[in-house]
Amino acid sequence: MQYLQLNELKDKLKTHPRCPLEIVGVPCNQFGLQEPGESEVEILNGLKYVRPGKGYTPNFPLTQKLKVNGKDQDILFTFLKNRCPVPDGYIDDIKSIMWSPIRNDDVSWNFEKVLIDHKGQPYRRYSSPVLPQDIATDIEHLQTQCKLFDKYLIEEYPLY
């Protein structure tokens, strides 16, 4: 469970007004049926009262529940997986997989993360065991690149 660390990461790295960190959570029920909530209200209440509980509220938006693998995977994940190589080549136990077809680039479990740069391009994928704080250096690198790009635009195109 990485919800608390995701909130902490966003609070820590949202400092630059034109290059902020935005986290988007994507609920999915394809991994051990761990996201049974059907609506936004059910999912948010599950987070608040069950896991992680204790009144937790994400400080980032959640999409509607999506399929991230298989023939019905959302187009967002088709795009992300085509642009970012699989982080570790590991796929869960074949008997526990609940989608078809199975592909080598499938998301392997909850809390896999994809870092996207300021131009909307996927930068890197991280497997589920990688904790949010472990990608802070990559985020800071992309924020630096964004600030340099922003500075260039302001100097070259003053009306920007």
N, C-alpha and C. Protein backbone atom coordinates (compact mmCIF):
# COMPACT_ATOMS: atom_id res chain seq x y z
N MET A 1 0.84 -1.18 0.00
CA MET A 1 0.00 0.00 0.00
C MET A 1 0.88 1.24 0.00
N GLN A 2 0.72 2.09 -0.99
CA GLN A 2 1.62 3.23 -1.14
C GLN A 2 0.88 4.56 -1.13
N TYR A 3 -0.36 4.56 -0.74
CA TYR A 3 -1.15 5.80 -0.79
C TYR A 3 -0.55 6.92 0.05
N LEU A 4 -0.15 6.62 1.27
CA LEU A 4 0.40 7.66 2.14
C LEU A 4 1.67 8.26 1.56
N GLN A 5 2.53 7.39 1.01
CA GLN A 5 3.78 7.88 0.41
C GLN A 5 3.52 8.72 -0.83
N LEU A 6 2.47 8.39 -1.59
CA LEU A 6 2.14 9.20 -2.77
C LEU A 6 1.73 10.61 -2.34
N ASN A 7 0.92 10.71 -1.29
CA ASN A 7 0.56 12.04 -0.77
C ASN A 7 1.80 12.81 -0.33
N GLU A 8 2.70 12.13 0.39
CA GLU A 8 3.92 12.79 0.87
C GLU A 8 4.79 13.26 -0.30
N LEU A 9 4.92 12.43 -1.31
CA LEU A 9 5.73 12.79 -2.48
C LEU A 9 5.18 14.02 -3.18
N LYS A 10 3.86 14.05 -3.35
CA LYS A 10 3.27 15.22 -4.01
C LYS A 10 3.47 16.48 -3.18
N ASP A 11 3.28 16.38 -1.88
CA ASP A 11 3.50 17.55 -1.01
C ASP A 11 4.94 18.04 -1.09
N LYS A 12 5.87 17.12 -1.17
CA LYS A 12 7.29 17.47 -1.19
C LYS A 12 7.71 18.11 -2.51
N LEU A 13 7.18 17.65 -3.63
CA LEU A 13 7.72 18.04 -4.94
C LEU A 13 6.80 18.93 -5.77
N LYS A 14 5.80 19.52 -5.19
CA LYS A 14 4.88 20.36 -5.96
C LYS A 14 5.31 21.82 -6.00
N THR A 15 6.56 22.10 -5.69
CA THR A 15 7.02 23.46 -5.41
C THR A 15 7.03 24.42 -6.59
N HIS A 16 7.37 23.98 -7.78
CA HIS A 16 7.50 24.92 -8.91
C HIS A 16 6.14 25.13 -9.57
N PRO A 17 5.66 26.39 -9.64
CA PRO A 17 4.30 26.64 -10.14
C PRO A 17 4.09 26.24 -11.60
N ARG A 18 5.12 26.32 -12.44
CA ARG A 18 4.94 25.97 -13.84
C ARG A 18 5.41 24.56 -14.16
N CYS A 19 6.02 23.90 -13.21
CA CYS A 19 6.51 22.53 -13.40
C CYS A 19 6.16 21.68 -12.18
N PRO A 20 4.90 21.66 -11.76
CA PRO A 20 4.55 20.92 -10.55
C PRO A 20 4.48 19.42 -10.81
N LEU A 21 4.55 18.67 -9.75
CA LEU A 21 4.30 17.24 -9.84
C LEU A 21 2.80 17.02 -9.76
N GLU A 22 2.27 16.24 -10.67
CA GLU A 22 0.88 15.82 -10.56
C GLU A 22 0.86 14.30 -10.56
N ILE A 23 0.16 13.74 -9.63
CA ILE A 23 -0.02 12.30 -9.53
C ILE A 23 -1.45 12.00 -9.93
N VAL A 24 -1.64 10.97 -10.74
CA VAL A 24 -2.98 10.53 -11.11
C VAL A 24 -3.08 9.05 -10.76
N GLY A 25 -4.00 8.72 -9.89
CA GLY A 25 -4.22 7.34 -9.51
C GLY A 25 -5.20 6.68 -10.47
N VAL A 26 -4.93 5.43 -10.81
CA VAL A 26 -5.78 4.70 -11.75
C VAL A 26 -6.28 3.43 -11.06
N PRO A 27 -7.48 3.46 -10.51
CA PRO A 27 -8.03 2.25 -9.90
C PRO A 27 -8.20 1.14 -10.94
N CYS A 28 -7.87 -0.08 -10.54
CA CYS A 28 -7.95 -1.24 -11.44
C CYS A 28 -8.26 -2.47 -10.59
N ASN A 29 -9.10 -3.34 -11.10
CA ASN A 29 -9.50 -4.54 -10.36
C ASN A 29 -8.90 -5.80 -10.96
N GLN A 30 -7.86 -5.67 -11.79
CA GLN A 30 -7.29 -6.83 -12.48
C GLN A 30 -6.22 -7.56 -11.66
N PHE A 31 -5.93 -7.10 -10.47
CA PHE A 31 -4.87 -7.70 -9.66
C PHE A 31 -5.45 -8.16 -8.33
N GLY A 32 -5.80 -9.42 -8.27
CA GLY A 32 -6.34 -9.99 -7.04
C GLY A 32 -7.69 -9.41 -6.63
N LEU A 33 -8.40 -8.83 -7.57
CA LEU A 33 -9.71 -8.22 -7.30
C LEU A 33 -9.64 -7.27 -6.11
N GLN A 34 -8.57 -6.49 -6.04
CA GLN A 34 -8.34 -5.62 -4.89
C GLN A 34 -9.03 -4.26 -4.99
N GLU A 35 -9.72 -3.99 -6.08
CA GLU A 35 -10.45 -2.72 -6.20
C GLU A 35 -11.89 -3.00 -6.58
N PRO A 36 -12.71 -3.47 -5.62
CA PRO A 36 -14.08 -3.83 -5.94
C PRO A 36 -15.02 -2.64 -6.10
N GLY A 37 -14.62 -1.45 -5.63
CA GLY A 37 -15.50 -0.29 -5.72
C GLY A 37 -15.87 0.02 -7.16
N GLU A 38 -17.13 0.33 -7.40
CA GLU A 38 -17.59 0.61 -8.76
C GLU A 38 -17.60 2.09 -9.09
N SER A 39 -17.91 2.92 -8.12
CA SER A 39 -18.02 4.36 -8.39
C SER A 39 -16.90 5.10 -7.68
N GLU A 40 -16.74 6.36 -8.04
CA GLU A 40 -15.74 7.20 -7.38
C GLU A 40 -16.00 7.27 -5.87
N VAL A 41 -17.27 7.41 -5.50
CA VAL A 41 -17.62 7.51 -4.08
C VAL A 41 -17.23 6.22 -3.35
N GLU A 42 -17.53 5.06 -3.93
CA GLU A 42 -17.18 3.79 -3.29
C GLU A 42 -15.66 3.65 -3.14
N ILE A 43 -14.93 4.00 -4.19
CA ILE A 43 -13.47 3.87 -4.15
C ILE A 43 -12.88 4.81 -3.10
N LEU A 44 -13.32 6.07 -3.10
CA LEU A 44 -12.81 7.03 -2.11
C LEU A 44 -13.18 6.63 -0.69
N ASN A 45 -14.39 6.12 -0.49
CA ASN A 45 -14.78 5.65 0.85
C ASN A 45 -13.96 4.43 1.27
N GLY A 46 -13.64 3.55 0.32
CA GLY A 46 -12.76 2.42 0.62
C GLY A 46 -11.40 2.88 1.11
N LEU A 47 -10.87 3.92 0.47
CA LEU A 47 -9.58 4.48 0.90
C LEU A 47 -9.70 5.14 2.27
N LYS A 48 -10.79 5.85 2.47
CA LYS A 48 -10.96 6.62 3.71
C LYS A 48 -11.19 5.73 4.93
N TYR A 49 -11.98 4.67 4.74
CA TYR A 49 -12.40 3.88 5.90
C TYR A 49 -11.78 2.48 5.99
N VAL A 50 -11.20 1.97 4.89
CA VAL A 50 -10.70 0.60 4.92
C VAL A 50 -9.20 0.55 4.68
N ARG A 51 -8.78 0.82 3.46
CA ARG A 51 -7.36 0.73 3.10
C ARG A 51 -6.93 1.97 2.38
N PRO A 52 -6.08 2.79 2.92
CA PRO A 52 -5.38 2.64 4.18
C PRO A 52 -6.21 3.01 5.41
N GLY A 53 -7.40 3.63 5.22
CA GLY A 53 -8.26 3.94 6.35
C GLY A 53 -7.81 5.16 7.13
N LYS A 54 -8.32 5.28 8.35
CA LYS A 54 -7.98 6.38 9.27
C LYS A 54 -8.22 7.75 8.65
N GLY A 55 -9.28 7.86 7.84
CA GLY A 55 -9.65 9.15 7.26
C GLY A 55 -8.83 9.57 6.06
N TYR A 56 -8.05 8.65 5.48
CA TYR A 56 -7.18 8.99 4.36
C TYR A 56 -7.97 9.54 3.17
N THR A 57 -7.45 10.61 2.60
CA THR A 57 -7.97 11.18 1.35
C THR A 57 -6.78 11.45 0.45
N PRO A 58 -6.79 10.97 -0.79
CA PRO A 58 -5.66 11.26 -1.68
C PRO A 58 -5.62 12.75 -2.02
N ASN A 59 -4.41 13.29 -2.13
CA ASN A 59 -4.26 14.69 -2.55
C ASN A 59 -4.00 14.77 -4.05
N PHE A 60 -4.44 13.74 -4.75
CA PHE A 60 -4.29 13.65 -6.20
C PHE A 60 -5.58 13.05 -6.77
N PRO A 61 -5.86 13.35 -8.04
CA PRO A 61 -7.09 12.82 -8.63
C PRO A 61 -6.99 11.33 -8.95
N LEU A 62 -8.14 10.69 -8.96
CA LEU A 62 -8.26 9.30 -9.41
C LEU A 62 -9.10 9.28 -10.67
N THR A 63 -8.72 8.44 -11.61
CA THR A 63 -9.55 8.24 -12.79
C THR A 63 -10.70 7.30 -12.41
N GLN A 64 -11.59 7.08 -13.34
CA GLN A 64 -12.55 6.00 -13.14
C GLN A 64 -11.78 4.69 -13.19
N LYS A 65 -12.38 3.61 -12.74
CA LYS A 65 -11.71 2.32 -12.75
C LYS A 65 -11.45 1.91 -14.20
N LEU A 66 -10.20 1.52 -14.49
CA LEU A 66 -9.80 1.16 -15.85
C LEU A 66 -9.22 -0.24 -15.89
N LYS A 67 -9.24 -0.83 -17.08
CA LYS A 67 -8.51 -2.07 -17.33
C LYS A 67 -7.17 -1.65 -17.93
N VAL A 68 -6.09 -2.14 -17.34
CA VAL A 68 -4.75 -1.74 -17.76
C VAL A 68 -4.07 -2.81 -18.61
N ASN A 69 -4.67 -3.99 -18.71
CA ASN A 69 -4.12 -5.10 -19.49
C ASN A 69 -5.23 -5.80 -20.26
N GLY A 70 -4.83 -6.61 -21.24
CA GLY A 70 -5.77 -7.45 -21.95
C GLY A 70 -6.44 -6.76 -23.12
N LYS A 71 -7.35 -7.49 -23.75
CA LYS A 71 -7.98 -6.98 -24.97
C LYS A 71 -8.81 -5.73 -24.73
N ASP A 72 -9.28 -5.53 -23.51
CA ASP A 72 -10.09 -4.35 -23.18
C ASP A 72 -9.30 -3.26 -22.45
N GLN A 73 -7.96 -3.32 -22.52
CA GLN A 73 -7.17 -2.30 -21.81
C GLN A 73 -7.49 -0.93 -22.35
N ASP A 74 -7.47 0.05 -21.47
CA ASP A 74 -7.73 1.43 -21.84
C ASP A 74 -6.63 1.93 -22.78
N ILE A 75 -7.02 2.78 -23.71
CA ILE A 75 -6.08 3.32 -24.70
C ILE A 75 -4.91 4.05 -24.04
N LEU A 76 -5.13 4.64 -22.87
CA LEU A 76 -4.03 5.28 -22.14
C LEU A 76 -2.91 4.29 -21.88
N PHE A 77 -3.26 3.08 -21.47
CA PHE A 77 -2.23 2.09 -21.17
C PHE A 77 -1.63 1.48 -22.42
N THR A 78 -2.36 1.45 -23.51
CA THR A 78 -1.75 1.06 -24.79
C THR A 78 -0.65 2.05 -25.12
N PHE A 79 -0.94 3.35 -25.00
CA PHE A 79 0.04 4.40 -25.27
C PHE A 79 1.24 4.29 -24.33
N LEU A 80 0.98 4.21 -23.02
CA LEU A 80 2.07 4.18 -22.05
C LEU A 80 2.97 2.97 -22.24
N LYS A 81 2.38 1.80 -22.45
CA LYS A 81 3.18 0.58 -22.60
C LYS A 81 3.95 0.56 -23.91
N ASN A 82 3.41 1.21 -24.94
CA ASN A 82 4.15 1.30 -26.21
C ASN A 82 5.34 2.23 -26.10
N ARG A 83 5.27 3.21 -25.21
CA ARG A 83 6.33 4.21 -25.09
C ARG A 83 7.35 3.91 -24.00
N CYS A 84 6.98 3.11 -23.01
CA CYS A 84 7.88 2.84 -21.88
C CYS A 84 8.09 1.34 -21.74
N PRO A 85 9.34 0.90 -21.76
CA PRO A 85 9.57 -0.54 -21.61
C PRO A 85 9.15 -1.02 -20.22
N VAL A 86 8.81 -2.28 -20.17
CA VAL A 86 8.43 -2.91 -18.91
C VAL A 86 9.62 -2.78 -17.94
N PRO A 87 9.36 -2.45 -16.67
CA PRO A 87 10.47 -2.18 -15.75
C PRO A 87 11.31 -3.39 -15.38
N ASP A 88 10.71 -4.56 -15.30
CA ASP A 88 11.49 -5.70 -14.81
C ASP A 88 11.26 -6.99 -15.58
N GLY A 89 10.37 -7.02 -16.54
CA GLY A 89 10.11 -8.22 -17.31
C GLY A 89 9.38 -9.30 -16.54
N TYR A 90 8.96 -8.98 -15.32
CA TYR A 90 8.30 -9.96 -14.46
C TYR A 90 6.80 -9.90 -14.69
N ILE A 91 6.19 -11.05 -14.81
CA ILE A 91 4.74 -11.14 -14.88
C ILE A 91 4.32 -12.07 -13.74
N ASP A 92 3.22 -11.80 -13.12
CA ASP A 92 2.76 -12.59 -11.98
C ASP A 92 2.51 -14.03 -12.39
N ASP A 93 2.24 -14.86 -11.40
CA ASP A 93 1.92 -16.26 -11.62
C ASP A 93 0.81 -16.36 -12.66
N ILE A 94 1.08 -17.09 -13.72
CA ILE A 94 0.15 -17.21 -14.85
C ILE A 94 -1.24 -17.62 -14.39
N LYS A 95 -1.34 -18.46 -13.36
CA LYS A 95 -2.65 -18.94 -12.89
C LYS A 95 -3.48 -17.83 -12.25
N SER A 96 -2.83 -16.76 -11.79
CA SER A 96 -3.58 -15.69 -11.13
C SER A 96 -3.94 -14.54 -12.08
N ILE A 97 -3.51 -14.63 -13.32
CA ILE A 97 -3.78 -13.55 -14.27
C ILE A 97 -5.23 -13.63 -14.74
N MET A 98 -5.90 -12.48 -14.73
CA MET A 98 -7.33 -12.42 -15.00
C MET A 98 -7.65 -11.72 -16.31
N TRP A 99 -6.71 -11.64 -17.22
CA TRP A 99 -6.95 -10.97 -18.50
C TRP A 99 -6.33 -11.77 -19.63
N SER A 100 -6.75 -11.45 -20.82
CA SER A 100 -6.24 -12.10 -22.01
C SER A 100 -6.32 -11.09 -23.15
N PRO A 101 -5.39 -11.10 -24.06
CA PRO A 101 -4.17 -11.89 -24.07
C PRO A 101 -3.15 -11.35 -23.08
N ILE A 102 -2.22 -12.21 -22.71
CA ILE A 102 -1.13 -11.83 -21.81
C ILE A 102 0.03 -11.38 -22.68
N ARG A 103 0.59 -10.22 -22.35
CA ARG A 103 1.71 -9.68 -23.11
C ARG A 103 2.89 -9.43 -22.18
N ASN A 104 4.08 -9.45 -22.74
CA ASN A 104 5.28 -9.22 -21.95
C ASN A 104 5.32 -7.83 -21.33
N ASP A 105 4.66 -6.85 -21.96
CA ASP A 105 4.71 -5.48 -21.43
C ASP A 105 3.55 -5.16 -20.49
N ASP A 106 2.79 -6.16 -20.07
CA ASP A 106 1.66 -5.91 -19.19
C ASP A 106 2.09 -5.29 -17.86
N VAL A 107 1.20 -4.49 -17.31
CA VAL A 107 1.37 -4.01 -15.94
C VAL A 107 1.29 -5.25 -15.06
N SER A 108 2.23 -5.41 -14.13
CA SER A 108 2.30 -6.66 -13.39
C SER A 108 1.57 -6.67 -12.06
N TRP A 109 1.30 -5.49 -11.48
CA TRP A 109 0.59 -5.46 -10.20
C TRP A 109 0.19 -4.03 -9.87
N ASN A 110 -0.62 -3.88 -8.81
CA ASN A 110 -1.02 -2.56 -8.33
C ASN A 110 0.21 -1.71 -8.00
N PHE A 111 0.07 -0.43 -8.13
CA PHE A 111 1.09 0.56 -7.80
C PHE A 111 2.29 0.54 -8.73
N GLU A 112 2.14 -0.04 -9.93
CA GLU A 112 3.17 0.22 -10.94
C GLU A 112 3.03 1.70 -11.28
N LYS A 113 4.14 2.36 -11.52
CA LYS A 113 4.12 3.81 -11.74
C LYS A 113 4.74 4.14 -13.10
N VAL A 114 4.21 5.19 -13.75
CA VAL A 114 4.79 5.70 -15.00
C VAL A 114 5.03 7.18 -14.79
N LEU A 115 6.26 7.60 -15.00
CA LEU A 115 6.62 9.00 -14.88
C LEU A 115 6.55 9.63 -16.26
N ILE A 116 5.81 10.73 -16.37
CA ILE A 116 5.59 11.42 -17.65
C ILE A 116 6.19 12.81 -17.55
N ASP A 117 6.90 13.22 -18.59
CA ASP A 117 7.57 14.52 -18.54
C ASP A 117 6.62 15.67 -18.84
N HIS A 118 7.15 16.88 -18.81
CA HIS A 118 6.36 18.11 -19.00
C HIS A 118 5.82 18.25 -20.42
N LYS A 119 6.30 17.43 -21.34
CA LYS A 119 5.80 17.46 -22.72
C LYS A 119 4.76 16.36 -22.96
N GLY A 120 4.43 15.62 -21.90
CA GLY A 120 3.44 14.56 -22.02
C GLY A 120 4.00 13.23 -22.50
N GLN A 121 5.31 13.09 -22.49
CA GLN A 121 5.94 11.86 -22.95
C GLN A 121 6.33 10.97 -21.77
N PRO A 122 5.99 9.69 -21.84
CA PRO A 122 6.42 8.78 -20.78
C PRO A 122 7.94 8.75 -20.69
N TYR A 123 8.44 8.85 -19.48
CA TYR A 123 9.88 8.89 -19.23
C TYR A 123 10.39 7.53 -18.73
N ARG A 124 9.68 6.94 -17.77
CA ARG A 124 10.12 5.67 -17.21
C ARG A 124 8.97 5.00 -16.46
N ARG A 125 8.98 3.66 -16.50
CA ARG A 125 8.06 2.85 -15.71
C ARG A 125 8.79 2.26 -14.52
N TYR A 126 8.06 2.10 -13.43
CA TYR A 126 8.63 1.55 -12.21
C TYR A 126 7.72 0.42 -11.73
N SER A 127 8.31 -0.69 -11.35
CA SER A 127 7.52 -1.82 -10.88
C SER A 127 6.91 -1.51 -9.51
N SER A 128 5.94 -2.30 -9.14
CA SER A 128 5.18 -2.08 -7.91
C SER A 128 6.03 -1.96 -6.65
N PRO A 129 7.07 -2.79 -6.47
CA PRO A 129 7.85 -2.67 -5.23
C PRO A 129 8.63 -1.36 -5.10
N VAL A 130 8.82 -0.63 -6.19
CA VAL A 130 9.53 0.65 -6.11
C VAL A 130 8.61 1.64 -5.40
N LEU A 131 9.09 2.19 -4.31
CA LEU A 131 8.27 3.11 -3.50
C LEU A 131 8.29 4.51 -4.10
N PRO A 132 7.24 5.28 -3.85
CA PRO A 132 7.18 6.63 -4.40
C PRO A 132 8.43 7.47 -4.11
N GLN A 133 8.94 7.41 -2.89
CA GLN A 133 10.11 8.22 -2.56
C GLN A 133 11.35 7.79 -3.35
N ASP A 134 11.35 6.56 -3.86
CA ASP A 134 12.49 6.07 -4.63
C ASP A 134 12.56 6.65 -6.04
N ILE A 135 11.50 7.30 -6.48
CA ILE A 135 11.54 7.93 -7.81
C ILE A 135 11.67 9.45 -7.72
N ALA A 136 11.86 9.96 -6.51
CA ALA A 136 11.96 11.41 -6.32
C ALA A 136 13.10 12.02 -7.12
N THR A 137 14.24 11.34 -7.21
CA THR A 137 15.38 11.87 -7.97
C THR A 137 15.02 12.03 -9.44
N ASP A 138 14.33 11.05 -10.01
CA ASP A 138 13.91 11.16 -11.41
C ASP A 138 12.91 12.30 -11.60
N ILE A 139 12.01 12.46 -10.65
CA ILE A 139 11.03 13.55 -10.73
C ILE A 139 11.75 14.90 -10.67
N GLU A 140 12.68 15.03 -9.75
CA GLU A 140 13.43 16.29 -9.63
C GLU A 140 14.23 16.57 -10.91
N HIS A 141 14.78 15.54 -11.52
CA HIS A 141 15.48 15.71 -12.80
C HIS A 141 14.53 16.26 -13.87
N LEU A 142 13.34 15.67 -13.96
CA LEU A 142 12.37 16.15 -14.96
C LEU A 142 11.89 17.55 -14.63
N GLN A 143 11.74 17.87 -13.36
CA GLN A 143 11.35 19.24 -13.00
C GLN A 143 12.45 20.23 -13.40
N THR A 144 13.70 19.86 -13.25
CA THR A 144 14.81 20.72 -13.69
C THR A 144 14.75 20.92 -15.19
N GLN A 145 14.51 19.84 -15.94
CA GLN A 145 14.39 19.95 -17.39
C GLN A 145 13.23 20.87 -17.77
N CYS A 146 12.14 20.74 -17.07
CA CYS A 146 10.96 21.57 -17.32
C CYS A 146 11.28 23.04 -17.06
N LYS A 147 11.98 23.32 -15.96
CA LYS A 147 12.33 24.71 -15.63
C LYS A 147 13.25 25.30 -16.69
N LEU A 148 14.21 24.51 -17.19
CA LEU A 148 15.09 24.99 -18.26
C LEU A 148 14.31 25.27 -19.53
N PHE A 149 13.38 24.38 -19.85
CA PHE A 149 12.53 24.57 -21.03
C PHE A 149 11.66 25.81 -20.86
N ASP A 150 11.12 25.99 -19.67
CA ASP A 150 10.29 27.15 -19.36
C ASP A 150 11.10 28.44 -19.49
N LYS A 151 12.32 28.43 -18.97
CA LYS A 151 13.20 29.60 -19.06
C LYS A 151 13.50 29.93 -20.52
N TYR A 152 13.77 28.90 -21.31
CA TYR A 152 14.04 29.09 -22.74
C TYR A 152 12.83 29.73 -23.42
N LEU A 153 11.65 29.22 -23.15
CA LEU A 153 10.45 29.77 -23.78
C LEU A 153 10.24 31.23 -23.41
N ILE A 154 10.44 31.55 -22.15
CA ILE A 154 10.25 32.94 -21.70
C ILE A 154 11.26 33.87 -22.37
N GLU A 155 12.51 33.40 -22.51
CA GLU A 155 13.54 34.23 -23.14
C GLU A 155 13.31 34.37 -24.64
N GLU A 156 12.94 33.30 -25.30
CA GLU A 156 12.77 33.30 -26.76
C GLU A 156 11.41 33.85 -27.19
N TYR A 157 10.41 33.63 -26.39
CA TYR A 157 9.04 34.03 -26.72
C TYR A 157 8.45 34.79 -25.53
N PRO A 158 8.78 36.05 -25.38
CA PRO A 158 8.41 36.81 -24.17
C PRO A 158 6.91 36.82 -23.85
N LEU A 159 6.06 36.62 -24.82
CA LEU A 159 4.62 36.63 -24.54
C LEU A 159 4.14 35.32 -23.93
N TYR A 160 4.99 34.31 -23.93
CA TYR A 160 4.65 33.00 -23.36
C TYR A 160 4.39 33.18 -21.92
